[in-house]
Amino acid sequence: MDIEALRRDTPGCANRVHLNHAGAGLLSRRTLAAVTGHLELEAAIGGYEAAWQQAEQVQAGYTNLARLLGGRADEVALFDSSTRAWNAAFYALSFRPGDRILTGRAEYGSNVLAYLQVARRTGAEVVVVPDDASGQLDTAALAGLIDERTRLVGVTHVPTSGGLVNPAAEIGRITRAAGVPFLLDATQSVGQFPVDVAEIGCDMLTGTGRKFLRGPRGTGFLWVRTGALEYLDPCVAEIQSADWDGKRGFSWKPGAQRFESWEKSHSNVLGLNAAVEQALELGLDRIGERASALGARLREGLRAVPGVSVHDLGPEPCAIVTCKVAGTAAEDVAAALRRQHINVTTTVPEHTQFDTEHRGVHPLVRLSPHYVNTEAELDLAVRAVAELASAAS
């Protein structure tokens, strides 16, 4: 990849050292033009009229997302966030007393709250699968816990709280063999490295545009395996998701469209499509290799700093790096770095409840580079953290 050309095409690279792609990636000029161009078209000719004029490009958004994920366009539904997409899938399942929801310690906070709500409503049970020695979900333990009571395995691929990459393909192999639905939250993984639904073997997958895909905020998507539609009953019926039968009944739209709502931001959809197109052109293999290498360099640099501890799990961590500076609160470290125009954030204990219960390390400073970052930027960030650690000692 021509990193300098990509950086010139990314306005934010001129203003900041952006190490918060796990929060929101920097938009390229191409994506920015897709969003603002459509808003200008809406202002010029009208919102409905602009949507009609750009209908082919909107449909291309489904096609390109399907290419990105290894699925089909009719298996993709668009939403305004990954959380909305995940809720559409999860709440389409039915649960009864005694049913079990199996999940991991790294599960995202909103997902956990949904599990707990359904357990409270229905009498289902939430079971947390332990980690293995490396810190990833223990697939042997998962296989041992699955039984006739298991209604769902829900797993976060890459947690918001660190560099862990859960073994999604092995989880998929286990759930397929057991005939248990598998919902994968891929919010932090799609766009960071290759994610193929056929290889993973999940039944449902959710993601967002705003993070490693470098798309606009207010975009999310759901992929649903066609066979899973047999046991999913969407919780909302409206004119985008269902067809009136002319009497007093209705039928669901074919494919994943049955999970959508009619209203959407067409400018955001076009911006997401532009970002996905760029990722496809660059190649997820190359993106993944560079992102992983940058994460490893940053992690190694921070580990070498006296007074700094790194808290990432898993045998092969990704580009999300978490650390703690002894004697300094994580938010104070993040604020000090932001004053130096280095964008980072912190983990939140409530966003990974089971991990917080188990490790008790949160909040941590979270740094998440991507392919548009340079090695020099990472070294600058390490030096800045080192100065803070030295001052605190």
Protein backbone atom coordinates (compact mmCIF):
# COMPACT_ATOMS: atom_id res chain seq x y z
CA MET A 1 0.00 0.00 0.00
CA ASP A 2 1.12 3.55 -0.73
CA ILE A 3 0.81 4.80 2.84
CA GLU A 4 1.76 8.39 2.06
CA ALA A 5 -0.89 8.60 -0.67
CA LEU A 6 -3.48 7.12 1.69
CA ARG A 7 -2.51 9.66 4.33
CA ARG A 8 -2.85 12.54 1.86
CA ASP A 9 -6.33 11.20 1.11
CA THR A 10 -7.16 11.28 4.84
CA PRO A 11 -7.57 14.87 6.09
CA GLY A 12 -7.32 13.92 9.76
CA CYS A 13 -3.76 12.65 9.34
CA ALA A 14 -2.60 16.26 9.02
CA ASN A 15 -4.08 17.24 12.37
CA ARG A 16 -3.55 14.39 14.81
CA VAL A 17 -1.82 11.15 15.57
CA HIS A 18 -5.02 9.15 15.45
CA LEU A 19 -4.74 6.00 17.55
CA ASN A 20 -8.47 5.59 18.13
CA HIS A 21 -9.64 3.57 15.13
CA ALA A 22 -11.32 1.17 17.56
CA GLY A 23 -13.53 4.14 18.45
CA ALA A 24 -13.96 5.83 15.08
CA GLY A 25 -11.64 5.63 12.09
CA LEU A 26 -10.58 8.66 10.08
CA LEU A 27 -12.66 9.25 6.94
CA SER A 28 -10.95 9.33 3.56
CA ARG A 29 -11.73 12.17 1.15
CA ARG A 30 -13.50 9.62 -1.03
CA THR A 31 -15.87 8.63 1.78
CA LEU A 32 -16.33 12.24 2.83
CA ALA A 33 -17.25 13.19 -0.75
CA ALA A 34 -19.80 10.38 -0.94
CA VAL A 35 -21.55 11.61 2.22
CA THR A 36 -21.47 15.34 1.55
CA GLY A 37 -22.19 14.93 -2.16
CA HIS A 38 -25.43 13.15 -1.45
CA LEU A 39 -26.44 15.69 1.20
CA GLU A 40 -25.87 18.42 -1.37
CA LEU A 41 -27.96 16.47 -3.88
CA GLU A 42 -30.77 16.14 -1.34
CA ALA A 43 -30.61 19.89 -0.73
CA ALA A 44 -30.70 20.57 -4.47
CA ILE A 45 -33.46 18.23 -5.67
CA GLY A 46 -35.13 16.73 -2.58
CA GLY A 47 -34.51 13.78 -0.30
CA TYR A 48 -36.75 11.23 -2.03
CA GLU A 49 -35.60 12.36 -5.46
CA ALA A 50 -31.94 12.05 -4.50
CA ALA A 51 -32.57 8.53 -3.19
CA TRP A 52 -34.25 7.53 -6.44
CA GLN A 53 -31.38 8.97 -8.45
CA GLN A 54 -28.77 7.08 -6.38
CA ALA A 55 -30.70 3.82 -6.05
CA GLU A 56 -28.06 1.77 -7.90
CA GLN A 57 -25.29 3.07 -5.67
CA VAL A 58 -27.33 2.33 -2.56
CA GLN A 59 -27.86 -1.24 -3.79
CA ALA A 60 -24.11 -1.45 -4.44
CA GLY A 61 -23.67 -0.96 -0.70
CA TYR A 62 -25.32 -4.32 -0.07
CA THR A 63 -23.34 -6.02 -2.83
CA ASN A 64 -19.99 -4.72 -1.63
CA LEU A 65 -20.67 -5.56 2.01
CA ALA A 66 -21.55 -9.08 0.90
CA ARG A 67 -18.23 -9.30 -0.98
CA LEU A 68 -16.41 -8.05 2.09
CA LEU A 69 -18.00 -10.71 4.32
CA GLY A 70 -18.06 -13.58 1.84
CA GLY A 71 -21.86 -13.74 1.67
CA ARG A 72 -24.65 -12.63 -0.67
CA ALA A 73 -26.33 -9.25 -1.00
CA ASP A 74 -29.71 -10.65 0.03
CA GLU A 75 -28.15 -11.79 3.32
CA VAL A 76 -27.22 -8.21 4.32
CA ALA A 77 -29.37 -5.69 6.21
CA LEU A 78 -28.36 -2.10 6.94
CA PHE A 79 -28.81 -0.25 10.23
CA ASP A 80 -27.71 2.95 11.92
CA SER A 81 -25.39 1.14 14.34
CA SER A 82 -23.90 -2.25 15.08
CA THR A 83 -25.89 -2.38 18.32
CA ARG A 84 -29.17 -1.94 16.45
CA ALA A 85 -28.09 -4.67 14.02
CA TRP A 86 -27.13 -7.01 16.87
CA ASN A 87 -30.42 -6.37 18.70
CA ALA A 88 -32.37 -7.13 15.50
CA ALA A 89 -30.73 -10.54 15.32
CA PHE A 90 -30.76 -11.43 19.02
CA TYR A 91 -34.33 -10.39 19.76
CA ALA A 92 -35.54 -12.40 16.75
CA LEU A 93 -34.72 -15.55 18.74
CA SER A 94 -37.20 -17.03 21.21
CA PHE A 95 -36.25 -18.27 24.66
CA ARG A 96 -38.01 -20.40 27.26
CA PRO A 97 -37.31 -21.24 30.90
CA GLY A 98 -34.22 -23.39 31.13
CA ASP A 99 -32.74 -22.30 27.79
CA ARG A 100 -29.07 -21.36 27.94
CA ILE A 101 -27.18 -18.50 26.31
CA LEU A 102 -23.45 -19.24 26.14
CA THR A 103 -21.06 -16.33 25.83
CA GLY A 104 -17.48 -15.36 26.64
CA ARG A 105 -15.80 -13.20 29.25
CA ALA A 106 -14.94 -10.62 26.59
CA GLU A 107 -18.56 -10.06 25.54
CA TYR A 108 -19.55 -6.45 24.80
CA GLY A 109 -21.52 -4.66 27.49
CA SER A 110 -24.70 -3.96 25.50
CA ASN A 111 -24.89 -7.61 24.46
CA VAL A 112 -24.52 -8.70 28.08
CA LEU A 113 -27.35 -6.41 29.15
CA ALA A 114 -29.58 -7.90 26.44
CA TYR A 115 -28.76 -11.42 27.62
CA LEU A 116 -29.60 -10.46 31.21
CA GLN A 117 -32.86 -8.82 30.15
CA VAL A 118 -34.01 -11.88 28.23
CA ALA A 119 -32.96 -14.13 31.11
CA ARG A 120 -35.06 -12.00 33.47
CA ARG A 121 -38.05 -12.07 31.12
CA THR A 122 -38.00 -15.71 30.12
CA GLY A 123 -36.15 -17.73 32.76
CA ALA A 124 -33.28 -18.49 30.41
CA GLU A 125 -29.77 -18.78 31.85
CA VAL A 126 -26.63 -16.89 30.86
CA VAL A 127 -23.52 -19.08 31.01
CA VAL A 128 -20.06 -17.50 30.73
CA VAL A 129 -17.55 -19.81 29.05
CA PRO A 130 -14.12 -19.60 30.74
CA ASP A 131 -10.94 -18.52 28.98
CA ASP A 132 -8.05 -20.78 28.12
CA ALA A 133 -4.49 -20.14 29.32
CA SER A 134 -3.92 -17.50 26.62
CA GLY A 135 -7.00 -15.50 27.59
CA GLN A 136 -9.18 -16.37 24.60
CA LEU A 137 -12.47 -18.24 24.85
CA ASP A 138 -11.78 -21.87 25.76
CA THR A 139 -13.27 -23.84 22.87
CA ALA A 140 -12.91 -27.17 24.67
CA ALA A 141 -14.93 -25.77 27.56
CA LEU A 142 -17.49 -24.41 25.10
CA ALA A 143 -17.92 -27.81 23.49
CA GLY A 144 -18.40 -29.35 26.93
CA LEU A 145 -21.05 -26.82 27.93
CA ILE A 146 -23.24 -27.15 24.84
CA ASP A 147 -26.21 -29.43 25.41
CA GLU A 148 -29.89 -29.69 24.49
CA ARG A 149 -30.66 -26.59 26.58
CA THR A 150 -28.33 -24.34 24.58
CA ARG A 151 -30.35 -21.87 22.49
CA LEU A 152 -27.53 -19.53 21.42
CA VAL A 153 -23.79 -19.05 21.42
CA GLY A 154 -23.09 -15.31 21.28
CA VAL A 155 -19.47 -14.18 21.09
CA THR A 156 -17.61 -10.93 20.51
CA HIS A 157 -14.88 -11.56 17.94
CA VAL A 158 -12.58 -8.74 19.13
CA PRO A 159 -13.51 -7.09 22.42
CA THR A 160 -13.63 -3.35 22.90
CA SER A 161 -11.33 -3.75 25.89
CA GLY A 162 -8.14 -5.10 24.31
CA GLY A 163 -6.27 -6.88 21.54
CA LEU A 164 -7.81 -10.33 21.98
CA VAL A 165 -9.06 -12.14 18.85
CA ASN A 166 -11.44 -14.92 19.82
CA PRO A 167 -11.20 -18.19 17.80
CA ALA A 168 -14.36 -17.56 15.77
CA ALA A 169 -13.83 -20.31 13.17
CA GLU A 170 -13.34 -22.98 15.84
CA ILE A 171 -16.43 -21.73 17.67
CA GLY A 172 -18.31 -21.96 14.37
CA ARG A 173 -17.14 -25.54 13.84
CA ILE A 174 -18.44 -26.48 17.30
CA THR A 175 -21.81 -24.76 16.92
CA ARG A 176 -22.41 -26.19 13.44
CA ALA A 177 -21.73 -29.70 14.71
CA ALA A 178 -24.15 -29.13 17.59
CA GLY A 179 -26.83 -27.39 15.52
CA VAL A 180 -26.78 -24.34 17.80
CA PRO A 181 -27.19 -20.77 16.45
CA PHE A 182 -23.99 -18.69 16.54
CA LEU A 183 -24.20 -14.87 16.68
CA LEU A 184 -20.84 -13.16 16.15
CA ASP A 185 -20.31 -9.53 17.10
CA ALA A 186 -17.63 -8.47 14.59
CA THR A 187 -17.80 -4.75 15.34
CA GLN A 188 -14.05 -4.45 15.97
CA SER A 189 -12.88 -7.03 13.44
CA VAL A 190 -14.57 -6.20 10.11
CA GLY A 191 -12.20 -3.80 8.35
CA GLN A 192 -9.26 -4.61 10.61
CA PHE A 193 -8.51 -8.01 9.03
CA PRO A 194 -10.29 -10.53 6.76
CA VAL A 195 -13.64 -11.79 8.11
CA ASP A 196 -15.32 -14.52 6.05
CA VAL A 197 -18.70 -15.81 7.21
CA ALA A 198 -18.31 -19.10 5.31
CA GLU A 199 -14.94 -19.78 6.89
CA ILE A 200 -16.19 -18.80 10.35
CA GLY A 201 -19.44 -20.71 10.11
CA CYS A 202 -21.57 -18.24 12.06
CA ASP A 203 -25.30 -17.87 11.50
CA MET A 204 -25.49 -14.14 12.17
CA LEU A 205 -22.79 -11.46 12.15
CA THR A 206 -22.96 -7.78 13.01
CA GLY A 207 -20.58 -4.91 12.36
CA THR A 208 -20.21 -1.17 12.10
CA GLY A 209 -18.90 1.23 9.50
CA ARG A 210 -17.35 3.77 11.79
CA LYS A 211 -14.37 1.85 13.19
CA PHE A 212 -11.74 -0.03 11.17
CA LEU A 213 -13.74 0.28 7.95
CA ARG A 214 -13.25 4.06 8.24
CA GLY A 215 -16.86 4.72 7.29
CA PRO A 216 -19.23 7.36 8.68
CA ARG A 217 -20.82 7.18 12.11
CA GLY A 218 -24.44 6.09 12.10
CA THR A 219 -23.85 2.96 10.00
CA GLY A 220 -24.16 -0.70 10.95
CA PHE A 221 -24.96 -3.98 9.25
CA LEU A 222 -26.24 -7.48 9.86
CA TRP A 223 -25.43 -10.59 7.85
CA VAL A 224 -27.83 -13.52 8.27
CA ARG A 225 -27.29 -16.99 6.83
CA THR A 226 -30.35 -17.84 4.73
CA GLY A 227 -31.00 -21.06 6.64
CA ALA A 228 -31.18 -19.14 9.92
CA LEU A 229 -34.28 -17.30 8.74
CA GLU A 230 -36.27 -20.43 9.56
CA TYR A 231 -35.93 -19.86 13.31
CA LEU A 232 -35.62 -16.06 13.44
CA ASP A 233 -38.78 -13.99 13.93
CA PRO A 234 -38.01 -10.26 13.60
CA CYS A 235 -39.35 -8.26 16.52
CA VAL A 236 -40.56 -5.37 14.33
CA ALA A 237 -42.86 -5.58 11.32
CA GLU A 238 -43.10 -2.49 9.12
CA ILE A 239 -43.34 -1.54 5.46
CA GLN A 240 -39.65 -2.24 4.73
CA SER A 241 -39.59 -5.60 6.47
CA ALA A 242 -42.98 -7.09 5.62
CA ASP A 243 -45.66 -7.20 2.90
CA TRP A 244 -49.39 -6.83 3.60
CA ASP A 245 -51.38 -9.72 2.12
CA GLY A 246 -54.38 -7.54 1.21
CA LYS A 247 -56.45 -8.89 4.10
CA ARG A 248 -55.46 -8.94 7.76
CA GLY A 249 -52.09 -10.66 7.49
CA PHE A 250 -48.57 -10.17 6.18
CA SER A 251 -45.47 -12.05 5.05
CA TRP A 252 -41.84 -11.22 5.74
CA LYS A 253 -39.70 -9.76 2.99
CA PRO A 254 -37.26 -12.27 1.51
CA GLY A 255 -33.77 -12.47 2.93
CA ALA A 256 -32.23 -10.17 5.51
CA GLN A 257 -34.31 -7.20 4.37
CA ARG A 258 -36.99 -8.37 6.83
CA PHE A 259 -34.83 -6.95 9.64
CA GLU A 260 -34.60 -3.43 8.22
CA SER A 261 -36.67 -0.31 8.71
CA TRP A 262 -37.74 1.88 5.81
CA GLU A 263 -36.01 5.09 6.83
CA LYS A 264 -32.24 5.32 6.55
CA SER A 265 -29.57 7.94 5.97
CA HIS A 266 -28.80 7.49 2.27
CA SER A 267 -25.77 9.75 2.58
CA ASN A 268 -24.36 7.48 5.30
CA VAL A 269 -25.14 4.36 3.26
CA LEU A 270 -23.24 5.83 0.31
CA GLY A 271 -20.38 6.82 2.60
CA LEU A 272 -20.25 3.28 3.99
CA ASN A 273 -20.21 1.89 0.47
CA ALA A 274 -17.28 4.15 -0.45
CA ALA A 275 -15.35 2.97 2.60
CA VAL A 276 -16.07 -0.69 1.85
CA GLU A 277 -15.04 -0.24 -1.77
CA GLN A 278 -11.73 1.23 -0.65
CA ALA A 279 -11.12 -1.63 1.77
CA LEU A 280 -11.84 -4.17 -0.97
CA GLU A 281 -9.49 -2.41 -3.36
CA LEU A 282 -6.66 -2.30 -0.82
CA GLY A 283 -7.28 -5.92 0.16
CA LEU A 284 -8.17 -7.11 3.63
CA ASP A 285 -5.17 -9.43 3.71
CA ARG A 286 -2.80 -6.50 3.26
CA ILE A 287 -4.79 -4.31 5.63
CA GLY A 288 -4.73 -7.03 8.25
CA GLU A 289 -1.01 -7.65 7.92
CA ARG A 290 -0.16 -3.97 8.33
CA ALA A 291 -2.61 -3.37 11.17
CA SER A 292 -1.27 -6.38 13.05
CA ALA A 293 2.33 -5.27 12.54
CA LEU A 294 1.58 -1.77 13.80
CA GLY A 295 -0.21 -3.17 16.83
CA ALA A 296 2.75 -5.45 17.59
CA ARG A 297 5.23 -2.57 17.29
CA LEU A 298 3.18 -0.36 19.60
CA ARG A 299 2.68 -3.17 22.11
CA GLU A 300 6.40 -4.00 22.13
CA GLY A 301 7.33 -0.35 22.58
CA LEU A 302 4.99 0.14 25.52
CA ARG A 303 6.13 -3.07 27.22
CA ALA A 304 9.68 -1.72 27.21
CA VAL A 305 8.70 1.41 29.17
CA PRO A 306 9.32 1.24 32.95
CA GLY A 307 6.11 1.76 34.88
CA VAL A 308 3.86 0.73 31.96
CA SER A 309 2.01 -2.60 31.87
CA VAL A 310 0.27 -4.02 28.78
CA HIS A 311 -2.96 -6.00 29.30
CA ASP A 312 -3.82 -7.60 25.95
CA LEU A 313 -4.89 -11.24 25.81
CA GLY A 314 -4.76 -14.05 23.27
CA PRO A 315 -2.01 -15.86 21.37
CA GLU A 316 -2.03 -13.39 18.46
CA PRO A 317 -3.33 -9.98 19.56
CA CYS A 318 -4.66 -7.56 16.96
CA ALA A 319 -4.15 -3.82 16.49
CA ILE A 320 -5.95 -2.80 19.71
CA VAL A 321 -3.42 -2.19 22.48
CA THR A 322 -4.29 -1.56 26.12
CA CYS A 323 -1.97 -0.43 28.88
CA LYS A 324 -1.78 1.11 32.33
CA VAL A 325 0.67 3.71 33.64
CA ALA A 326 1.55 3.06 37.27
CA GLY A 327 0.43 5.88 39.53
CA THR A 328 -1.69 7.67 36.90
CA ALA A 329 -5.38 7.18 36.17
CA ALA A 330 -6.13 5.94 32.66
CA GLU A 331 -8.32 8.96 31.86
CA ASP A 332 -5.55 11.32 32.96
CA VAL A 333 -3.10 9.55 30.64
CA ALA A 334 -5.56 9.73 27.76
CA ALA A 335 -6.24 13.43 28.42
CA ALA A 336 -2.50 14.20 28.54
CA LEU A 337 -1.96 12.43 25.22
CA ARG A 338 -4.88 14.25 23.63
CA ARG A 339 -3.33 17.56 24.68
CA GLN A 340 -0.35 16.48 22.58
CA HIS A 341 -2.73 15.77 19.66
CA ILE A 342 -2.47 12.00 20.10
CA ASN A 343 -5.97 10.52 19.96
CA VAL A 344 -6.54 7.61 22.36
CA THR A 345 -9.35 6.57 24.65
CA THR A 346 -9.89 4.35 27.70
CA THR A 347 -11.69 1.10 28.38
CA VAL A 348 -14.85 1.30 30.49
CA PRO A 349 -15.50 -1.33 33.19
CA GLU A 350 -19.24 -1.45 32.39
CA HIS A 351 -18.57 -2.13 28.70
CA THR A 352 -17.06 -5.58 29.36
CA GLN A 353 -18.73 -6.67 32.58
CA PHE A 354 -17.54 -10.27 32.69
CA ASP A 355 -13.95 -9.31 31.87
CA THR A 356 -14.09 -6.63 34.57
CA GLU A 357 -15.32 -9.18 37.10
CA HIS A 358 -12.56 -11.61 36.12
CA ARG A 359 -9.50 -9.38 35.68
CA GLY A 360 -10.30 -6.16 37.52
CA VAL A 361 -7.88 -4.12 35.39
CA HIS A 362 -10.22 -1.57 33.82
CA PRO A 363 -10.10 1.27 33.00
CA LEU A 364 -7.07 1.00 30.73
CA VAL A 365 -5.59 3.33 28.14
CA ARG A 366 -6.60 2.04 24.70
CA LEU A 367 -4.52 2.78 21.59
CA SER A 368 -5.70 1.44 18.24
CA PRO A 369 -3.61 2.16 15.12
CA HIS A 370 -4.63 1.27 11.57
CA TYR A 371 -2.94 1.08 8.21
CA VAL A 372 -2.86 4.87 7.70
CA ASN A 373 -0.67 5.32 10.75
CA THR A 374 3.11 5.41 10.45
CA GLU A 375 5.76 3.75 12.56
CA ALA A 376 7.04 7.21 13.47
CA GLU A 377 3.62 8.10 14.92
CA LEU A 378 3.66 4.99 17.08
CA ASP A 379 7.14 5.76 18.34
CA LEU A 380 6.01 9.30 19.17
CA ALA A 381 3.10 7.91 21.20
CA VAL A 382 5.40 5.53 23.07
CA ARG A 383 7.74 8.39 23.96
CA ALA A 384 4.81 10.45 25.19
CA VAL A 385 3.60 7.61 27.42
CA ALA A 386 7.16 7.10 28.65
CA GLU A 387 7.38 10.75 29.71
CA LEU A 388 4.11 10.44 31.64
CA ALA A 389 5.32 7.25 33.32
CA SER A 390 8.60 8.87 34.24
CA ALA A 391 6.84 11.89 35.74
CA ALA A 392 4.58 9.60 37.80
CA SER A 393 7.40 7.49 39.22
